[in-house]
C-alpha atoms as a PDB file:
ATOM      1  CA  UNK A   1      -0.134  -0.220  -0.147  1.00  0.00           C
ATOM      2  CA  UNK A   2       2.983   2.579   1.355  1.00  0.00           C
ATOM      3  CA  UNK A   3       4.564   1.650  -2.456  1.00  0.00           C
ATOM      4  CA  UNK A   4       1.454   2.504  -4.751  1.00  0.00           C
ATOM      5  CA  UNK A   5       0.862   5.598  -2.563  1.00  0.00           C
ATOM      6  CA  UNK A   6       4.825   6.677  -3.404  1.00  0.00           C
ATOM      7  CA  UNK A   7       4.067   5.648  -6.553  1.00  0.00           C
ATOM      8  CA  UNK A   8       1.597   8.071  -6.991  1.00  0.00           C
ATOM      9  CA  UNK A   9       3.974  10.809  -5.348  1.00  0.00           C
ATOM     10  CA  UNK A  10       2.528  10.579  -1.205  1.00  0.00           C
ATOM     11  CA  UNK A  11       5.895  10.818   0.808  1.00  0.00           C
ATOM     12  CA  UNK A  12       4.738   8.200   3.347  1.00  0.00           C
ATOM     13  CA  UNK A  13       6.323   7.442   6.685  1.00  0.00           C
ATOM     14  CA  UNK A  14       5.468   4.180   8.375  1.00  0.00           C
ATOM     15  CA  UNK A  15       5.179   3.349  11.571  1.00  0.00           C
ATOM     16  CA  UNK A  16       5.712  -0.287  13.430  1.00  0.00           C
ATOM     17  CA  UNK A  17       2.792   0.740  15.807  1.00  0.00           C
ATOM     18  CA  UNK A  18       0.913   3.084  17.803  1.00  0.00           C
ATOM     19  CA  UNK A  19       3.293   4.207  20.015  1.00  0.00           C
ATOM     20  CA  UNK A  20       5.573   4.964  16.971  1.00  0.00           C
ATOM     21  CA  UNK A  21       2.738   6.984  15.246  1.00  0.00           C
ATOM     22  CA  UNK A  22       2.467   9.199  18.233  1.00  0.00           C
ATOM     23  CA  UNK A  23       5.581   9.955  18.304  1.00  0.00           C
ATOM     24  CA  UNK A  24       6.061  10.558  14.528  1.00  0.00           C
ATOM     25  CA  UNK A  25       2.961  13.285  14.420  1.00  0.00           C
ATOM     26  CA  UNK A  26       3.854  14.894  17.141  1.00  0.00           C
ATOM     27  CA  UNK A  27       7.734  16.104  16.067  1.00  0.00           C
ATOM     28  CA  UNK A  28       6.823  16.103  12.175  1.00  0.00           C
ATOM     29  CA  UNK A  29       4.464  18.886  12.293  1.00  0.00           C
ATOM     30  CA  UNK A  30       3.887  18.438   7.840  1.00  0.00           C
ATOM     31  CA  UNK A  31       2.264  15.142   8.092  1.00  0.00           C
ATOM     32  CA  UNK A  32      -1.017  15.917   6.211  1.00  0.00           C
ATOM     33  CA  UNK A  33      -3.372  12.375   7.415  1.00  0.00           C
ATOM     34  CA  UNK A  34      -3.341   9.254   8.694  1.00  0.00           C
ATOM     35  CA  UNK A  35      -3.995   5.930   7.706  1.00  0.00           C
ATOM     36  CA  UNK A  36      -4.221   3.471  10.494  1.00  0.00           C
ATOM     37  CA  UNK A  37      -5.612  -0.088  10.539  1.00  0.00           C
ATOM     38  CA  UNK A  38      -8.830  -0.594  13.009  1.00  0.00           C
ATOM     39  CA  UNK A  39      -6.722  -3.779  14.778  1.00  0.00           C
ATOM     40  CA  UNK A  40      -3.558  -4.092  15.770  1.00  0.00           C
ATOM     41  CA  UNK A  41      -1.228  -5.137  18.338  1.00  0.00           C
ATOM     42  CA  UNK A  42      -1.166  -3.212  22.042  1.00  0.00           C
ATOM     43  CA  UNK A  43      -3.503  -0.370  21.130  1.00  0.00           C
ATOM     44  CA  UNK A  44      -6.220  -0.101  18.276  1.00  0.00           C
ATOM     45  CA  UNK A  45      -7.030   2.685  15.462  1.00  0.00           C
ATOM     46  CA  UNK A  46      -9.230   4.000  17.188  1.00  0.00           C
ATOM     47  CA  UNK A  47      -7.700   4.942  20.535  1.00  0.00           C
ATOM     48  CA  UNK A  48      -4.731   5.780  17.936  1.00  0.00           C
ATOM     49  CA  UNK A  49      -6.554   8.526  16.153  1.00  0.00           C
ATOM     50  CA  UNK A  50      -8.113   9.634  19.325  1.00  0.00           C
ATOM     51  CA  UNK A  51      -4.932  10.642  21.023  1.00  0.00           C
ATOM     52  CA  UNK A  52      -3.626  11.844  18.379  1.00  0.00           C
ATOM     53  CA  UNK A  53      -6.229  14.338  17.916  1.00  0.00           C
ATOM     54  CA  UNK A  54      -5.018  15.648  21.418  1.00  0.00           C
ATOM     55  CA  UNK A  55      -2.609  17.818  19.656  1.00  0.00           C
ATOM     56  CA  UNK A  56      -3.790  17.838  16.202  1.00  0.00           C
ATOM     57  CA  UNK A  57      -7.355  17.703  16.189  1.00  0.00           C
ATOM     58  CA  UNK A  58      -8.107  18.754  12.310  1.00  0.00           C
ATOM     59  CA  UNK A  59      -5.845  15.673  11.166  1.00  0.00           C
ATOM     60  CA  UNK A  60      -7.188  13.847   8.451  1.00  0.00           C
ATOM     61  CA  UNK A  61      -7.761  10.598   8.822  1.00  0.00           C
ATOM     62  CA  UNK A  62      -8.430   6.983   7.253  1.00  0.00           C
ATOM     63  CA  UNK A  63      -9.561   3.757   9.450  1.00  0.00           C
ATOM     64  CA  UNK A  64      -8.999   0.348   7.635  1.00  0.00           C
ATOM     65  CA  UNK A  65     -10.928  -2.472   8.841  1.00  0.00           C
ATOM     66  CA  UNK A  66     -12.212  -5.909   7.606  1.00  0.00           C
ATOM     67  CA  UNK A  67     -14.289  -6.354  10.871  1.00  0.00           C
ATOM     68  CA  UNK A  68     -17.082  -3.808  10.816  1.00  0.00           C
ATOM     69  CA  UNK A  69     -20.682  -4.484  10.426  1.00  0.00           C
ATOM     70  CA  UNK A  70     -21.540  -0.345  10.366  1.00  0.00           C
ATOM     71  CA  UNK A  71     -18.486   2.126   9.639  1.00  0.00           C
ATOM     72  CA  UNK A  72     -20.617   4.974  10.189  1.00  0.00           C
ATOM     73  CA  UNK A  73     -20.455   4.183  13.863  1.00  0.00           C
ATOM     74  CA  UNK A  74     -16.966   3.247  13.921  1.00  0.00           C
ATOM     75  CA  UNK A  75     -16.213   7.188  12.146  1.00  0.00           C
ATOM     76  CA  UNK A  76     -18.084   8.584  15.133  1.00  0.00           C
ATOM     77  CA  UNK A  77     -16.591   6.421  18.048  1.00  0.00           C
ATOM     78  CA  UNK A  78     -13.364   8.135  16.722  1.00  0.00           C
ATOM     79  CA  UNK A  79     -14.467  11.202  17.505  1.00  0.00           C
ATOM     80  CA  UNK A  80     -15.714  12.128  13.645  1.00  0.00           C
ATOM     81  CA  UNK A  81     -14.439  13.549  10.968  1.00  0.00           C
ATOM     82  CA  UNK A  82     -12.937   9.667   9.954  1.00  0.00           C
ATOM     83  CA  UNK A  83     -13.316   7.768   6.372  1.00  0.00           C
ATOM     84  CA  UNK A  84     -13.756   4.560   7.130  1.00  0.00           C
ATOM     85  CA  UNK A  85     -12.447   1.917   4.368  1.00  0.00           C
ATOM     86  CA  UNK A  86     -13.266  -1.427   4.556  1.00  0.00           C
ATOM     87  CA  UNK A  87     -11.549  -4.651   3.535  1.00  0.00           C
ATOM     88  CA  UNK A  88     -10.524  -5.784   1.118  1.00  0.00           C
ATOM     89  CA  UNK A  89      -9.944  -2.571  -0.703  1.00  0.00           C
ATOM     90  CA  UNK A  90      -8.486  -1.685  -4.128  1.00  0.00           C
ATOM     91  CA  UNK A  91      -6.003   0.991  -3.851  1.00  0.00           C
ATOM     92  CA  UNK A  92      -7.741   3.410  -6.315  1.00  0.00           C
ATOM     93  CA  UNK A  93     -10.216   3.718  -3.063  1.00  0.00           C
ATOM     94  CA  UNK A  94      -7.423   4.539  -1.367  1.00  0.00           C
ATOM     95  CA  UNK A  95      -5.915   7.186  -3.548  1.00  0.00           C
ATOM     96  CA  UNK A  96      -9.045   8.326  -4.281  1.00  0.00           C
ATOM     97  CA  UNK A  97     -10.434   8.887  -0.257  1.00  0.00           C
ATOM     98  CA  UNK A  98      -6.873  10.856   0.302  1.00  0.00           C
ATOM     99  CA  UNK A  99      -7.165  12.786  -2.671  1.00  0.00           C
ATOM    100  CA  UNK A 100     -10.773  14.152  -1.215  1.00  0.00           C
ATOM    101  CA  UNK A 101      -9.215  14.710   2.083  1.00  0.00           C
ATOM    102  CA  UNK A 102      -5.590  16.590   1.568  1.00  0.00           C
ATOM    103  CA  UNK A 103      -5.846  17.053  -2.517  1.00  0.00           C
ATOM    104  CA  UNK A 104      -3.721  15.051  -5.171  1.00  0.00           C
ATOM    105  CA  UNK A 105       0.051  15.143  -4.828  1.00  0.00           C
ATOM    106  CA  UNK A 106       1.898  17.937  -5.462  1.00  0.00           C
ATOM    107  CA  UNK A 107       4.001  15.460  -7.440  1.00  0.00           C
ATOM    108  CA  UNK A 108       1.153  14.386  -9.625  1.00  0.00           C
END
């Protein structure tokens, strides 16, 4: 997924887990969006979103999930302004959502 996003011009920073993602988000104000999975070891995606929004309240976010029936409630639970993509999805769908949230990459 990261390779495809980079191929269309997005600059991607990957984190090994939620703790590392929070450190990156705190120290790099140039990050335009957060893409996270709902299910991760340790802290889940909703908790990551909530913690990130404690200091980046307007951060556009995409939550990926393979186990949600009610996608709208997931967005609400995560604090709103969250696009939820159900797996499996094509990379074109992810790119479309990123373009809606942050625009096309400068190189595109």
